[in-house]
């Protein structure tokens, strides 16, 4: 299991903390992931970072779980800071992934990203239903359970 995914599943740490600890500077997507995480902290996504995000999406990542976490994170960031149109385009990429191949915590994070997208699109009932689904996917002993519960 990739160290980013392992820490995401086994801790409640924020992405920027996990990424700072484990990112591989030779993996383009991981370096962009870290930049996006820092951009979210400052609530500022520069235009050149948008280009880098597009390139990272195109290049992908050798670990499908890291790739899905990145796309989920970007959906959340775009929903909040950029616009739901770009977030919806990224969601369409994720829709083709067989979610059952991913750890339930990773699946849950993707569902939460879609819940955020729905909320920003004014679909409150769908967002709430998805948030509850995300919570059901995660064992209540998981450190992520409380993060998801807080979102709900």
Protein backbone atom coordinates (compact mmCIF):
# COMPACT_ATOMS: atom_id res chain seq x y z
CA UNK A 1 0.00 0.00 0.00
CA UNK A 2 1.33 3.44 -0.93
CA UNK A 3 2.48 5.41 2.17
CA UNK A 4 0.15 8.33 1.35
CA UNK A 5 -2.84 5.98 1.22
CA UNK A 6 -1.70 4.09 4.31
CA UNK A 7 -1.45 7.29 6.38
CA UNK A 8 -4.73 8.58 4.99
CA UNK A 9 -6.49 5.37 6.06
CA UNK A 10 -4.78 4.99 9.43
CA UNK A 11 -4.64 8.59 10.68
CA UNK A 12 -6.88 11.61 10.90
CA UNK A 13 -4.08 13.88 9.65
CA UNK A 14 -4.78 16.57 7.09
CA UNK A 15 -3.64 15.93 3.55
CA UNK A 16 -0.89 18.53 3.62
CA UNK A 17 0.66 16.83 6.67
CA UNK A 18 0.49 13.38 5.05
CA UNK A 19 1.84 14.68 1.76
CA UNK A 20 4.69 16.61 3.33
CA UNK A 21 5.75 13.42 5.05
CA UNK A 22 5.41 11.01 2.11
CA UNK A 23 5.34 12.75 -1.25
CA UNK A 24 7.86 11.68 -3.86
CA UNK A 25 9.33 14.75 -5.59
CA UNK A 26 9.85 12.59 -8.69
CA UNK A 27 6.11 11.83 -8.94
CA UNK A 28 4.54 14.79 -10.69
CA UNK A 29 1.04 14.16 -9.35
CA UNK A 30 2.31 14.00 -5.77
CA UNK A 31 4.12 17.33 -6.06
CA UNK A 32 0.99 18.93 -7.51
CA UNK A 33 -1.13 17.28 -4.80
CA UNK A 34 1.04 18.96 -2.16
CA UNK A 35 0.72 22.34 -3.91
CA UNK A 36 -3.07 21.98 -4.07
CA UNK A 37 -3.20 21.03 -0.38
CA UNK A 38 -1.21 24.13 0.50
CA UNK A 39 -3.39 26.22 -1.82
CA UNK A 40 -6.47 25.01 -0.01
CA UNK A 41 -4.93 26.00 3.32
CA UNK A 42 -4.52 29.55 2.00
CA UNK A 43 -7.81 29.43 0.07
CA UNK A 44 -5.83 30.45 -3.03
CA UNK A 45 -5.37 28.44 -6.22
CA UNK A 46 -3.16 30.29 -8.71
CA UNK A 47 -3.90 29.98 -12.45
CA UNK A 48 -0.59 28.19 -13.10
CA UNK A 49 -1.57 25.59 -10.50
CA UNK A 50 -4.75 24.90 -12.49
CA UNK A 51 -2.54 24.05 -15.47
CA UNK A 52 -0.41 21.78 -13.29
CA UNK A 53 -3.54 20.04 -11.98
CA UNK A 54 -4.68 19.37 -15.55
CA UNK A 55 -1.24 17.94 -16.38
CA UNK A 56 -1.25 15.77 -13.25
CA UNK A 57 -4.68 14.41 -14.16
CA UNK A 58 -3.42 13.58 -17.65
CA UNK A 59 -0.21 11.95 -16.40
CA UNK A 60 -1.99 9.98 -13.69
CA UNK A 61 -0.24 8.00 -10.98
CA UNK A 62 0.99 4.40 -10.75
CA UNK A 63 -1.11 3.85 -7.62
CA UNK A 64 -4.84 4.02 -8.41
CA UNK A 65 -5.73 4.89 -4.80
CA UNK A 66 -3.38 7.90 -4.76
CA UNK A 67 -4.87 8.97 -8.09
CA UNK A 68 -8.46 8.67 -6.79
CA UNK A 69 -7.56 10.55 -3.58
CA UNK A 70 -5.98 13.31 -5.69
CA UNK A 71 -9.02 13.56 -7.98
CA UNK A 72 -11.37 13.52 -4.99
CA UNK A 73 -9.37 16.27 -3.31
CA UNK A 74 -9.39 18.32 -6.52
CA UNK A 75 -13.17 17.86 -6.87
CA UNK A 76 -13.60 19.25 -3.35
CA UNK A 77 -11.23 22.16 -3.95
CA UNK A 78 -12.75 23.03 -7.32
CA UNK A 79 -16.29 22.77 -5.92
CA UNK A 80 -15.37 25.26 -3.21
CA UNK A 81 -12.96 27.63 -4.95
CA UNK A 82 -13.10 27.28 -8.74
CA UNK A 83 -16.55 26.18 -9.82
CA UNK A 84 -18.74 23.13 -10.08
CA UNK A 85 -18.30 22.82 -13.86
CA UNK A 86 -14.61 21.89 -13.57
CA UNK A 87 -15.34 19.70 -10.54
CA UNK A 88 -18.05 17.86 -12.51
CA UNK A 89 -15.62 17.22 -15.36
CA UNK A 90 -13.20 15.57 -12.94
CA UNK A 91 -16.03 13.56 -11.41
CA UNK A 92 -16.74 12.10 -14.84
CA UNK A 93 -13.17 10.72 -14.91
CA UNK A 94 -13.70 9.07 -11.52
CA UNK A 95 -17.06 7.60 -12.51
CA UNK A 96 -15.28 4.99 -14.63
CA UNK A 97 -13.24 3.62 -11.69
CA UNK A 98 -14.50 0.39 -10.11
CA UNK A 99 -14.86 1.77 -6.57
CA UNK A 100 -15.05 -1.68 -5.00
CA UNK A 101 -11.34 -2.08 -5.82
CA UNK A 102 -10.49 0.68 -3.33
CA UNK A 103 -10.22 0.63 0.45
CA UNK A 104 -13.54 1.75 2.04
CA UNK A 105 -11.88 4.89 3.49
CA UNK A 106 -10.71 5.90 0.00
CA UNK A 107 -14.18 5.16 -1.39
CA UNK A 108 -15.68 7.23 1.39
CA UNK A 109 -13.49 10.22 0.62
CA UNK A 110 -14.58 10.11 -3.02
CA UNK A 111 -18.25 9.98 -1.97
CA UNK A 112 -17.63 12.97 0.33
CA UNK A 113 -16.11 14.88 -2.59
CA UNK A 114 -19.24 14.24 -4.63
CA UNK A 115 -21.37 15.31 -1.65
CA UNK A 116 -19.48 18.62 -1.62
CA UNK A 117 -20.04 19.01 -5.35
CA UNK A 118 -23.77 18.36 -4.91
CA UNK A 119 -23.97 20.83 -2.01
CA UNK A 120 -22.25 23.55 -4.05
CA UNK A 121 -24.68 22.79 -6.87
CA UNK A 122 -27.63 23.41 -4.56
CA UNK A 123 -28.62 19.76 -4.23
CA UNK A 124 -28.72 19.63 -0.44
CA UNK A 125 -30.75 16.42 -0.11
CA UNK A 126 -28.43 14.51 -2.46
CA UNK A 127 -25.43 15.91 -0.62
CA UNK A 128 -26.75 14.79 2.75
CA UNK A 129 -27.55 11.31 1.43
CA UNK A 130 -24.02 11.00 0.01
CA UNK A 131 -22.47 12.22 3.25
CA UNK A 132 -24.37 9.55 5.15
CA UNK A 133 -23.22 6.94 2.62
CA UNK A 134 -19.61 8.07 3.12
CA UNK A 135 -19.99 7.61 6.86
CA UNK A 136 -21.49 4.11 6.41
CA UNK A 137 -18.46 3.03 4.36
CA UNK A 138 -16.02 3.66 7.21
CA UNK A 139 -15.66 1.62 10.38
CA UNK A 140 -16.50 3.74 13.42
CA UNK A 141 -13.10 2.87 14.91
CA UNK A 142 -11.29 4.44 11.96
CA UNK A 143 -9.57 7.80 12.57
CA UNK A 144 -11.28 9.06 9.38
CA UNK A 145 -14.71 8.23 10.78
CA UNK A 146 -14.70 11.32 12.96
CA UNK A 147 -13.47 13.54 10.13
CA UNK A 148 -16.36 12.30 7.99
CA UNK A 149 -18.79 12.70 10.87
CA UNK A 150 -17.62 16.28 11.28
CA UNK A 151 -18.31 16.89 7.59
CA UNK A 152 -21.78 15.45 7.98
